[in-house]
Protein backbone atom coordinates (compact mmCIF):
# COMPACT_ATOMS: atom_id res chain seq x y z
CA UNK A 1 184.21 69.43 83.24
CA UNK A 2 181.89 71.93 81.56
CA UNK A 3 182.77 70.56 78.13
CA UNK A 4 183.91 67.13 77.00
CA UNK A 5 185.58 66.04 73.80
CA UNK A 6 183.44 65.07 70.84
CA UNK A 7 182.60 61.37 71.05
CA UNK A 8 182.76 61.11 74.83
CA UNK A 9 178.99 60.90 75.26
CA UNK A 10 178.45 57.93 72.88
CA UNK A 11 181.32 56.13 74.63
CA UNK A 12 179.77 56.96 77.99
CA UNK A 13 176.53 55.33 76.85
CA UNK A 14 178.41 52.19 75.76
CA UNK A 15 180.24 52.09 79.08
CA UNK A 16 177.03 52.20 81.09
CA UNK A 17 175.59 49.43 78.92
CA UNK A 18 178.69 47.37 79.64
CA UNK A 19 178.40 48.04 83.36
CA UNK A 20 174.72 47.06 83.32
CA UNK A 21 175.50 43.80 81.49
CA UNK A 22 178.18 42.86 84.03
CA UNK A 23 175.88 43.81 86.92
CA UNK A 24 173.04 41.65 85.59
CA UNK A 25 175.23 38.70 84.54
CA UNK A 26 176.95 38.52 87.91
CA UNK A 27 173.64 39.02 89.66
CA UNK A 28 171.91 36.18 87.83
CA UNK A 29 174.70 33.61 87.77
CA UNK A 30 176.63 34.37 90.97
CA UNK A 31 174.74 36.53 93.48
CA UNK A 32 171.29 34.99 93.00
CA UNK A 33 172.40 31.37 93.59
CA UNK A 34 174.84 32.25 96.39
CA UNK A 35 172.28 34.30 98.32
CA UNK A 36 169.45 31.84 97.66
CA UNK A 37 171.47 28.90 99.00
CA UNK A 38 172.86 30.98 101.84
CA UNK A 39 169.37 31.94 102.98
CA UNK A 40 168.65 28.23 103.48
CA UNK A 41 171.76 27.33 105.44
CA UNK A 42 172.85 30.48 107.29
CA UNK A 43 171.26 31.73 110.49
CA UNK A 44 172.01 35.44 110.56
CA UNK A 45 169.01 37.68 111.37
CA UNK A 46 170.98 40.80 110.42
CA UNK A 47 172.08 39.20 107.14
CA UNK A 48 175.49 40.85 107.33
CA UNK A 49 176.85 38.12 105.08
CA UNK A 50 174.47 39.31 102.34
CA UNK A 51 175.95 42.79 102.69
CA UNK A 52 179.42 41.36 102.03
CA UNK A 53 178.18 39.40 99.00
CA UNK A 54 176.80 42.66 97.61
CA UNK A 55 180.15 44.35 98.33
CA UNK A 56 181.91 41.72 96.20
CA UNK A 57 179.23 42.04 93.50
CA UNK A 58 179.76 45.81 93.37
CA UNK A 59 183.56 45.46 93.22
CA UNK A 60 183.46 43.00 90.32
CA UNK A 61 180.95 45.22 88.49
CA UNK A 62 182.89 48.48 88.65
CA UNK A 63 186.47 47.12 88.44
CA UNK A 64 186.64 47.21 84.60
CA UNK A 65 185.55 50.88 84.58
CA UNK A 66 187.12 52.75 87.49
CA UNK A 67 189.16 52.35 90.66
CA UNK A 68 188.15 53.24 94.20
CA UNK A 69 190.86 54.47 96.56
CA UNK A 70 190.23 54.65 100.30
CA UNK A 71 191.93 57.15 102.58
CA UNK A 72 191.55 56.82 106.34
CA UNK A 73 190.72 53.12 106.35
CA UNK A 74 191.93 52.95 109.95
CA UNK A 75 189.05 55.23 110.95
CA UNK A 76 186.51 52.52 110.13
CA UNK A 77 185.01 50.87 113.23
CA UNK A 78 186.01 47.28 113.89
CA UNK A 79 182.84 45.57 115.12
CA UNK A 80 180.94 48.56 116.52
CA UNK A 81 177.60 49.58 115.00
CA UNK A 82 177.57 53.17 113.75
CA UNK A 83 175.84 55.62 111.45
CA UNK A 84 177.84 56.32 108.29
CA UNK A 85 177.07 59.67 106.65
CA UNK A 86 178.40 60.91 103.30
CA UNK A 87 177.82 63.42 100.54
CA UNK A 88 175.74 62.26 97.57
CA UNK A 89 176.29 63.27 93.95
CA UNK A 90 175.86 60.15 91.80
CA UNK A 91 174.33 56.69 91.56
CA UNK A 92 177.95 55.49 91.55
CA UNK A 93 178.22 56.58 95.20
CA UNK A 94 176.38 53.42 96.21
CA UNK A 95 178.59 51.02 94.26
CA UNK A 96 181.69 52.91 95.41
CA UNK A 97 181.06 52.86 99.18
CA UNK A 98 180.50 49.11 99.02
CA UNK A 99 184.27 48.98 98.46
CA UNK A 100 184.66 49.64 102.18
CA UNK A 101 183.67 45.99 102.58
CA UNK A 102 181.82 46.71 105.82
CA UNK A 103 178.36 45.29 106.55
CA UNK A 104 175.79 48.08 106.72
CA UNK A 105 172.23 48.82 105.64
CA UNK A 106 171.55 51.68 103.28
CA UNK A 107 168.66 53.98 104.04
CA UNK A 108 167.30 54.29 100.51
CA UNK A 109 164.23 55.60 98.75
CA UNK A 110 161.65 52.84 98.34
CA UNK A 111 161.69 53.05 94.53
CA UNK A 112 165.06 51.26 94.43
CA UNK A 113 163.25 48.03 95.30
CA UNK A 114 161.50 48.23 91.92
CA UNK A 115 164.78 47.79 90.02
CA UNK A 116 164.92 44.17 88.77
CA UNK A 117 167.50 41.99 90.52
CA UNK A 118 168.92 44.97 92.47
CA UNK A 119 165.64 45.30 94.35
CA UNK A 120 165.65 41.54 95.04
CA UNK A 121 169.17 41.74 96.52
CA UNK A 122 168.28 44.80 98.58
CA UNK A 123 165.30 43.01 100.08
CA UNK A 124 167.45 40.00 100.99
CA UNK A 125 169.96 42.35 102.61
CA UNK A 126 167.15 44.00 104.58
CA UNK A 127 167.82 47.45 103.15
CA UNK A 128 165.85 50.11 105.02
CA UNK A 129 163.63 52.12 102.69
CA UNK A 130 161.77 55.40 102.99
CA UNK A 131 159.04 57.28 101.13
CA UNK A 132 160.40 60.80 101.45
CA UNK A 133 157.03 62.56 101.24
CA UNK A 134 155.23 60.16 103.59
CA UNK A 135 155.42 61.13 107.26
CA UNK A 136 154.38 57.66 108.43
CA UNK A 137 157.11 56.08 106.31
CA UNK A 138 159.65 58.48 107.82
CA UNK A 139 158.68 57.46 111.36
CA UNK A 140 158.81 53.74 110.48
CA UNK A 141 162.22 54.20 108.89
CA UNK A 142 163.48 56.00 111.99
CA UNK A 143 162.35 53.13 114.20
CA UNK A 144 163.86 50.50 111.87
CA UNK A 145 167.21 52.30 111.87
CA UNK A 146 167.32 52.60 115.65
CA UNK A 147 166.34 48.95 116.07
CA UNK A 148 169.01 47.79 113.58
CA UNK A 149 171.71 49.82 115.35
CA UNK A 150 170.74 48.49 118.77
CA UNK A 151 171.10 44.97 117.36
CA UNK A 152 174.63 45.74 116.18
CA UNK A 153 173.98 46.55 112.50
CA UNK A 154 175.40 49.76 111.03
CA UNK A 155 173.40 51.98 108.68
CA UNK A 156 174.51 54.27 105.85
CA UNK A 157 172.71 57.56 105.23
CA UNK A 158 173.09 60.38 102.72
CA UNK A 159 172.01 63.35 104.90
CA UNK A 160 171.34 65.59 101.88
CA UNK A 161 168.45 63.28 101.01
CA UNK A 162 169.10 63.52 97.26
CA UNK A 163 171.97 63.88 94.82
CA UNK A 164 173.73 67.19 94.31
CA UNK A 165 173.83 68.21 90.64
CA UNK A 166 176.93 70.41 90.94
CA UNK A 167 178.91 68.66 93.68
CA UNK A 168 178.14 71.33 96.27
CA UNK A 169 176.67 70.08 99.52
CA UNK A 170 172.93 70.52 99.96
CA UNK A 171 171.26 71.18 103.30
CA UNK A 172 171.73 68.30 105.75
CA UNK A 173 168.63 66.73 107.24
CA UNK A 174 168.51 65.95 110.98
CA UNK A 175 167.59 62.28 110.54
CA UNK A 176 171.05 60.69 110.87
CA UNK A 177 171.86 62.74 113.99
CA UNK A 178 168.53 61.93 115.63
CA UNK A 179 168.95 58.23 114.85
CA UNK A 180 172.50 58.12 116.26
CA UNK A 181 171.39 59.90 119.43
CA UNK A 182 168.42 57.63 119.98
CA UNK A 183 170.49 54.47 119.39
CA UNK A 184 173.48 55.85 121.35
CA UNK A 185 176.00 55.01 118.62
CA UNK A 186 178.89 56.91 116.98
CA UNK A 187 178.84 58.62 113.60
CA UNK A 188 181.47 58.07 110.89
CA UNK A 189 181.62 60.87 108.26
CA UNK A 190 182.85 60.10 104.74
CA UNK A 191 183.62 62.24 101.73
CA UNK A 192 183.04 60.73 98.28
CA UNK A 193 185.08 62.31 95.47
CA UNK A 194 184.91 61.72 91.71
CA UNK A 195 181.58 59.95 91.26
CA UNK A 196 179.87 63.05 89.88
CA UNK A 197 182.40 63.18 87.04
CA UNK A 198 181.80 59.51 86.23
CA UNK A 199 178.01 59.57 86.27
CA UNK A 200 176.42 62.99 86.79
CA UNK A 201 173.21 63.22 88.81
CA UNK A 202 170.06 62.43 86.81
CA UNK A 203 172.20 61.00 83.96
CA UNK A 204 172.30 57.32 84.83
CA UNK A 205 172.50 56.49 81.12
CA UNK A 206 176.09 57.85 81.01
CA UNK A 207 179.33 56.55 82.53
CA UNK A 208 182.26 58.74 81.57
CA UNK A 209 185.88 57.70 81.79
CA UNK A 210 187.80 59.28 84.65
CA UNK A 211 191.38 58.12 85.10
CA UNK A 212 191.45 59.49 88.63
CA UNK A 213 188.60 57.16 89.59
CA UNK A 214 186.84 57.58 92.93
CA UNK A 215 188.31 58.48 96.29
CA UNK A 216 186.63 57.71 99.62
CA UNK A 217 187.87 59.69 102.59
CA UNK A 218 186.94 58.12 105.92
CA UNK A 219 187.10 60.81 108.60
CA UNK A 220 187.68 60.20 112.32
CA UNK A 221 184.67 58.81 114.15
CA UNK A 222 182.51 61.07 116.30
CA UNK A 223 182.10 59.01 119.46
CA UNK A 224 178.73 58.07 120.89
CA UNK A 225 179.53 60.27 123.90
CA UNK A 226 180.22 63.29 121.67
CA UNK A 227 177.04 62.61 119.69
CA UNK A 228 174.99 62.63 122.90
CA UNK A 229 176.59 65.76 124.31
CA UNK A 230 176.63 67.92 121.16
CA UNK A 231 173.51 69.96 120.21
CA UNK A 232 171.90 68.86 116.94
CA UNK A 233 172.64 72.05 114.99
CA UNK A 234 176.27 72.05 116.10
CA UNK A 235 176.67 68.38 115.24
CA UNK A 236 175.11 68.85 111.79
CA UNK A 237 177.46 71.75 111.11
CA UNK A 238 180.43 69.71 112.26
CA UNK A 239 179.45 66.89 109.90
CA UNK A 240 178.99 69.30 107.04
CA UNK A 241 182.35 71.01 107.63
CA UNK A 242 184.09 67.64 107.85
CA UNK A 243 182.56 66.16 104.71
CA UNK A 244 182.84 69.33 102.60
């Protein structure tokens, strides 16, 4: 909303402090030991089990503050690798989509690895990172994504490349489409609703209360065959129209 009641902002600051404390406490005393031990005993090159540990970590972190409802759960692939694409309006998007409880690798800006504990977990999960202004990094990221998909690991991409400040979709980049075509995998579009009201873009120090919580809409999959046969511009427009 354009205006909030007096006192909402101080409460939003306290809420984000509470969320951060839960995130760190769970990370130090649950996630860190579980992942550290698991790395010694589990043989899983894709580290999909780490993805699921992070899903549980995210769920326990956000549960005291907001709910995540999922519509179209049946549209999620069973065991097939795919490219997930979604709109992006808040840092809470990341914690929210983990509630899908599907193993996937985020394509994220490299700076996220600098966040204490979160960066450690992302490295253990083999998150794919990118320096947006570095052409060499972009090419390396493209290759890593294609290789991961060919090995059966899904990836999650925000095609806008950054967060929208007003909830309106920004221009979609071609990366996700090019990756899906090269790897010959399907694309699963998602719409994320409500995160921008909880934590507006560029205001990670605030977590407002929103009784409606977050809603994830999983749209029907675009098959690998359709991805291959549809021109890039047409496919990007289809994704945009579906997500919007």
